[in-house]
Amino acid sequence: MRKKVMIVLAFLIVVGVGLYLYLFKNHRDISSESADYKLSVKELQQQFAENDTLANKKYADKTIEVYGKITDIDLPSHTVTIDEKLSAVFRDSVLDHLAVEKQTLIKGRFVGYDDLLEEFKMDQVSLSE
């Protein structure tokens, strides 16, 4: 009887430790990752227009670099709009170095396409060199 209790207790400890490690794993550092894809906003828009399901599988939750012209800057929310189609939320407040109508290259995590607003979303964005 005592042996069965020890086995069950050991099993519960192993499952508990495994569950803890799964739930509390380290967060990704997107700025240190290399980009899986590099493309313009227009190329991204074209791929989603051709087949949005395939494009979503390709880019969702991936680190990508995107280039285009800045069309709007929202300082309080650290958000930049590129080519009027991509909304990018910066992790740091580097928006002071950016200007509307300026070409830029950014790197971040692609979140997805918003059908309602008809725009692409990225977060954890940083300026790319």
C-alpha atoms as a PDB file:
ATOM      1  CA  MET A   1       0.000   0.000   0.000  1.00  0.00           C
ATOM      2  CA  ARG A   2       2.788   2.398   0.937  1.00  0.00           C
ATOM      3  CA  LYS A   3       4.552   1.658  -2.367  1.00  0.00           C
ATOM      4  CA  LYS A   4       1.424   2.619  -4.358  1.00  0.00           C
ATOM      5  CA  VAL A   5       1.129   5.918  -2.482  1.00  0.00           C
ATOM      6  CA  MET A   6       4.789   6.731  -3.232  1.00  0.00           C
ATOM      7  CA  ILE A   7       4.317   5.954  -6.945  1.00  0.00           C
ATOM      8  CA  VAL A   8       1.198   8.152  -7.160  1.00  0.00           C
ATOM      9  CA  LEU A   9       2.966  10.941  -5.256  1.00  0.00           C
ATOM     10  CA  ALA A  10       6.023  10.757  -7.550  1.00  0.00           C
ATOM     11  CA  PHE A  11       3.740  10.808 -10.612  1.00  0.00           C
ATOM     12  CA  LEU A  12       1.888  13.884  -9.320  1.00  0.00           C
ATOM     13  CA  ILE A  13       5.169  15.698  -8.650  1.00  0.00           C
ATOM     14  CA  VAL A  14       6.477  14.953 -12.154  1.00  0.00           C
ATOM     15  CA  VAL A  15       3.195  16.097 -13.747  1.00  0.00           C
ATOM     16  CA  GLY A  16       3.145  19.224 -11.557  1.00  0.00           C
ATOM     17  CA  VAL A  17       6.713  20.200 -12.459  1.00  0.00           C
ATOM     18  CA  GLY A  18       6.041  19.550 -16.157  1.00  0.00           C
ATOM     19  CA  LEU A  19       2.882  21.636 -16.094  1.00  0.00           C
ATOM     20  CA  TYR A  20       4.644  24.478 -14.293  1.00  0.00           C
ATOM     21  CA  LEU A  21       7.502  24.527 -16.830  1.00  0.00           C
ATOM     22  CA  TYR A  22       5.013  24.473 -19.704  1.00  0.00           C
ATOM     23  CA  LEU A  23       2.899  27.333 -18.374  1.00  0.00           C
ATOM     24  CA  PHE A  24       5.715  29.584 -17.212  1.00  0.00           C
ATOM     25  CA  LYS A  25       8.251  29.312 -20.025  1.00  0.00           C
ATOM     26  CA  ASN A  26      10.438  32.284 -20.967  1.00  0.00           C
ATOM     27  CA  HIS A  27       8.975  34.957 -23.198  1.00  0.00           C
ATOM     28  CA  ARG A  28      10.314  35.383 -26.708  1.00  0.00           C
ATOM     29  CA  ASP A  29      12.727  38.227 -27.378  1.00  0.00           C
ATOM     30  CA  ILE A  30      11.664  39.183 -30.889  1.00  0.00           C
ATOM     31  CA  SER A  31      14.349  41.857 -31.264  1.00  0.00           C
ATOM     32  CA  SER A  32      17.113  39.257 -30.882  1.00  0.00           C
ATOM     33  CA  GLU A  33      15.516  36.706 -33.247  1.00  0.00           C
ATOM     34  CA  SER A  34      16.385  36.652 -36.918  1.00  0.00           C
ATOM     35  CA  ALA A  35      13.511  37.448 -39.248  1.00  0.00           C
ATOM     36  CA  ASP A  36      11.813  34.524 -40.979  1.00  0.00           C
ATOM     37  CA  TYR A  37      10.621  36.758 -43.829  1.00  0.00           C
ATOM     38  CA  LYS A  38      11.434  40.213 -45.222  1.00  0.00           C
ATOM     39  CA  LEU A  39       8.847  41.909 -47.409  1.00  0.00           C
ATOM     40  CA  SER A  40       6.972  45.124 -48.094  1.00  0.00           C
ATOM     41  CA  VAL A  41       3.464  45.887 -46.893  1.00  0.00           C
ATOM     42  CA  LYS A  42       2.261  45.713 -50.509  1.00  0.00           C
ATOM     43  CA  GLU A  43       3.718  42.213 -50.928  1.00  0.00           C
ATOM     44  CA  LEU A  44       2.054  41.150 -47.679  1.00  0.00           C
ATOM     45  CA  GLN A  45      -1.257  42.583 -48.852  1.00  0.00           C
ATOM     46  CA  GLN A  46      -0.944  40.804 -52.204  1.00  0.00           C
ATOM     47  CA  GLN A  47      -0.296  37.429 -50.555  1.00  0.00           C
ATOM     48  CA  PHE A  48      -3.330  37.822 -48.292  1.00  0.00           C
ATOM     49  CA  ALA A  49      -5.465  38.837 -51.279  1.00  0.00           C
ATOM     50  CA  GLU A  50      -4.433  35.690 -53.184  1.00  0.00           C
ATOM     51  CA  ASN A  51      -5.013  33.210 -50.331  1.00  0.00           C
ATOM     52  CA  ASP A  52      -5.547  34.538 -46.833  1.00  0.00           C
ATOM     53  CA  THR A  53      -5.624  31.098 -45.187  1.00  0.00           C
ATOM     54  CA  LEU A  54      -2.254  30.094 -46.611  1.00  0.00           C
ATOM     55  CA  ALA A  55      -0.717  33.505 -45.881  1.00  0.00           C
ATOM     56  CA  ASN A  56      -1.998  33.419 -42.308  1.00  0.00           C
ATOM     57  CA  LYS A  57      -0.419  29.994 -41.736  1.00  0.00           C
ATOM     58  CA  LYS A  58       2.826  31.263 -43.250  1.00  0.00           C
ATOM     59  CA  TYR A  59       3.212  34.465 -41.228  1.00  0.00           C
ATOM     60  CA  ALA A  60       1.175  34.041 -38.020  1.00  0.00           C
ATOM     61  CA  ASP A  61       3.304  34.370 -34.873  1.00  0.00           C
ATOM     62  CA  LYS A  62       6.500  34.591 -36.952  1.00  0.00           C
ATOM     63  CA  THR A  63       9.207  37.221 -36.731  1.00  0.00           C
ATOM     64  CA  ILE A  64       9.131  39.265 -39.924  1.00  0.00           C
ATOM     65  CA  GLU A  65      10.781  42.401 -41.273  1.00  0.00           C
ATOM     66  CA  VAL A  66       8.533  44.810 -43.112  1.00  0.00           C
ATOM     67  CA  TYR A  67       9.449  47.956 -45.006  1.00  0.00           C
ATOM     68  CA  GLY A  68       7.315  50.798 -46.214  1.00  0.00           C
ATOM     69  CA  LYS A  69       6.396  54.452 -45.745  1.00  0.00           C
ATOM     70  CA  ILE A  70       5.195  55.694 -42.362  1.00  0.00           C
ATOM     71  CA  THR A  71       1.726  57.189 -42.744  1.00  0.00           C
ATOM     72  CA  ASP A  72       0.772  57.809 -39.103  1.00  0.00           C
ATOM     73  CA  ILE A  73       2.415  57.926 -35.678  1.00  0.00           C
ATOM     74  CA  ASP A  74       0.503  57.623 -32.394  1.00  0.00           C
ATOM     75  CA  LEU A  75       2.891  58.544 -29.574  1.00  0.00           C
ATOM     76  CA  PRO A  76       0.707  57.642 -26.545  1.00  0.00           C
ATOM     77  CA  SER A  77       0.105  54.079 -27.725  1.00  0.00           C
ATOM     78  CA  HIS A  78       3.593  53.612 -29.302  1.00  0.00           C
ATOM     79  CA  THR A  79       1.906  52.706 -32.596  1.00  0.00           C
ATOM     80  CA  VAL A  80       3.023  53.416 -36.158  1.00  0.00           C
ATOM     81  CA  THR A  81       0.962  52.856 -39.288  1.00  0.00           C
ATOM     82  CA  ILE A  82       2.875  51.893 -42.416  1.00  0.00           C
ATOM     83  CA  ASP A  83       1.421  52.318 -45.920  1.00  0.00           C
ATOM     84  CA  GLU A  84      -2.005  52.839 -44.273  1.00  0.00           C
ATOM     85  CA  LYS A  85      -2.336  49.040 -43.939  1.00  0.00           C
ATOM     86  CA  LEU A  86       0.014  47.850 -41.183  1.00  0.00           C
ATOM     87  CA  SER A  87      -0.391  48.799 -37.539  1.00  0.00           C
ATOM     88  CA  ALA A  88       2.828  48.212 -35.595  1.00  0.00           C
ATOM     89  CA  VAL A  89       3.067  48.510 -31.801  1.00  0.00           C
ATOM     90  CA  PHE A  90       6.627  49.273 -30.669  1.00  0.00           C
ATOM     91  CA  ARG A  91       8.030  47.783 -27.484  1.00  0.00           C
ATOM     92  CA  ASP A  92      10.241  50.821 -26.784  1.00  0.00           C
ATOM     93  CA  SER A  93       9.540  54.507 -27.195  1.00  0.00           C
ATOM     94  CA  VAL A  94      11.720  55.072 -30.273  1.00  0.00           C
ATOM     95  CA  LEU A  95       9.006  56.983 -32.070  1.00  0.00           C
ATOM     96  CA  ASP A  96      10.873  60.258 -31.559  1.00  0.00           C
ATOM     97  CA  HIS A  97      13.320  59.147 -34.266  1.00  0.00           C
ATOM     98  CA  LEU A  98      10.563  58.469 -36.798  1.00  0.00           C
ATOM     99  CA  ALA A  99       8.722  60.872 -39.079  1.00  0.00           C
ATOM    100  CA  VAL A 100       5.631  60.644 -41.266  1.00  0.00           C
ATOM    101  CA  GLU A 101       6.363  60.030 -44.982  1.00  0.00           C
ATOM    102  CA  LYS A 102       9.747  58.488 -44.117  1.00  0.00           C
ATOM    103  CA  GLN A 103      10.689  54.999 -45.366  1.00  0.00           C
ATOM    104  CA  THR A 104      11.440  52.543 -42.580  1.00  0.00           C
ATOM    105  CA  LEU A 105      12.314  48.917 -41.933  1.00  0.00           C
ATOM    106  CA  ILE A 106      10.830  47.311 -38.828  1.00  0.00           C
ATOM    107  CA  LYS A 107      11.026  43.875 -37.237  1.00  0.00           C
ATOM    108  CA  GLY A 108       8.374  42.320 -35.059  1.00  0.00           C
ATOM    109  CA  ARG A 109       5.910  39.515 -34.461  1.00  0.00           C
ATOM    110  CA  PHE A 110       3.140  39.248 -37.021  1.00  0.00           C
ATOM    111  CA  VAL A 111      -0.154  39.009 -35.141  1.00  0.00           C
ATOM    112  CA  GLY A 112      -2.558  38.729 -38.051  1.00  0.00           C
ATOM    113  CA  TYR A 113      -4.964  40.456 -40.373  1.00  0.00           C
ATOM    114  CA  ASP A 114      -7.970  42.362 -39.050  1.00  0.00           C
ATOM    115  CA  ASP A 115     -10.850  41.917 -41.521  1.00  0.00           C
ATOM    116  CA  LEU A 116     -12.961  44.618 -39.912  1.00  0.00           C
ATOM    117  CA  LEU A 117     -10.344  47.381 -40.091  1.00  0.00           C
ATOM    118  CA  GLU A 118      -8.646  45.851 -43.137  1.00  0.00           C
ATOM    119  CA  GLU A 119      -5.183  46.180 -41.645  1.00  0.00           C
ATOM    120  CA  PHE A 120      -2.297  43.961 -40.624  1.00  0.00           C
ATOM    121  CA  LYS A 121      -1.139  43.872 -37.011  1.00  0.00           C
ATOM    122  CA  MET A 122       2.340  43.476 -35.550  1.00  0.00           C
ATOM    123  CA  ASP A 123       3.552  43.753 -31.976  1.00  0.00           C
ATOM    124  CA  GLN A 124       6.882  43.729 -30.120  1.00  0.00           C
ATOM    125  CA  VAL A 125       8.215  45.861 -32.969  1.00  0.00           C
ATOM    126  CA  SER A 126      11.669  47.410 -33.084  1.00  0.00           C
ATOM    127  CA  LEU A 127      13.563  49.347 -35.729  1.00  0.00           C
ATOM    128  CA  SER A 128      15.642  47.074 -37.898  1.00  0.00           C
ATOM    129  CA  GLU A 129      19.021  48.017 -39.322  1.00  0.00           C
END
